[in-house]
């Protein structure tokens, strides 16, 4: 029985956090970079420079995180913000309001690989259109912590924080 549980948890971990669904179509309404411990800024800016969206939305985390807003990208409106609360939930709520204001039809989230599943869940609750995810890698040494963190955060999002 223990072996079955261990196999099930390992398979779920692999599917949810190590190899989550990801990818995006040629064009979306907005590219949204989350405040995560990776190299999301360069990936988000690269997508914006390829004109894959009309908006580039960058979460700066808390005001204490320091400025990370990108330089202007020709033909792309850049919006930088500090989410309140300074969490994925706060980021999803803010982007949901922006989407309604600007009439977005689809978004792509740029985040670290382990956060992809939870980010898609949270943003899907605050945004009515398709939510795509593009991930950036993390250091090998960060994986144990990130997987443990994501399990706790996913349980919280599924069981306790079910609204936008």
Foldseek 3Di string as FASTA:
>chain_A
DVVVVVVVVVVCLCDQFVPDDADDDQAWAEEEEAPAPFDQVVVQVVSVLSVRHQEYEYEQQAVVSDDDFDDDRPNHHYHYDHFVVRDLLSSLQVVLVVCVVVVTAEYEYEEARRCVNVSLQNNVQSHVHYYGYDHDYDDPVCVVVSSVVSVVVSCCCVPPVPHD
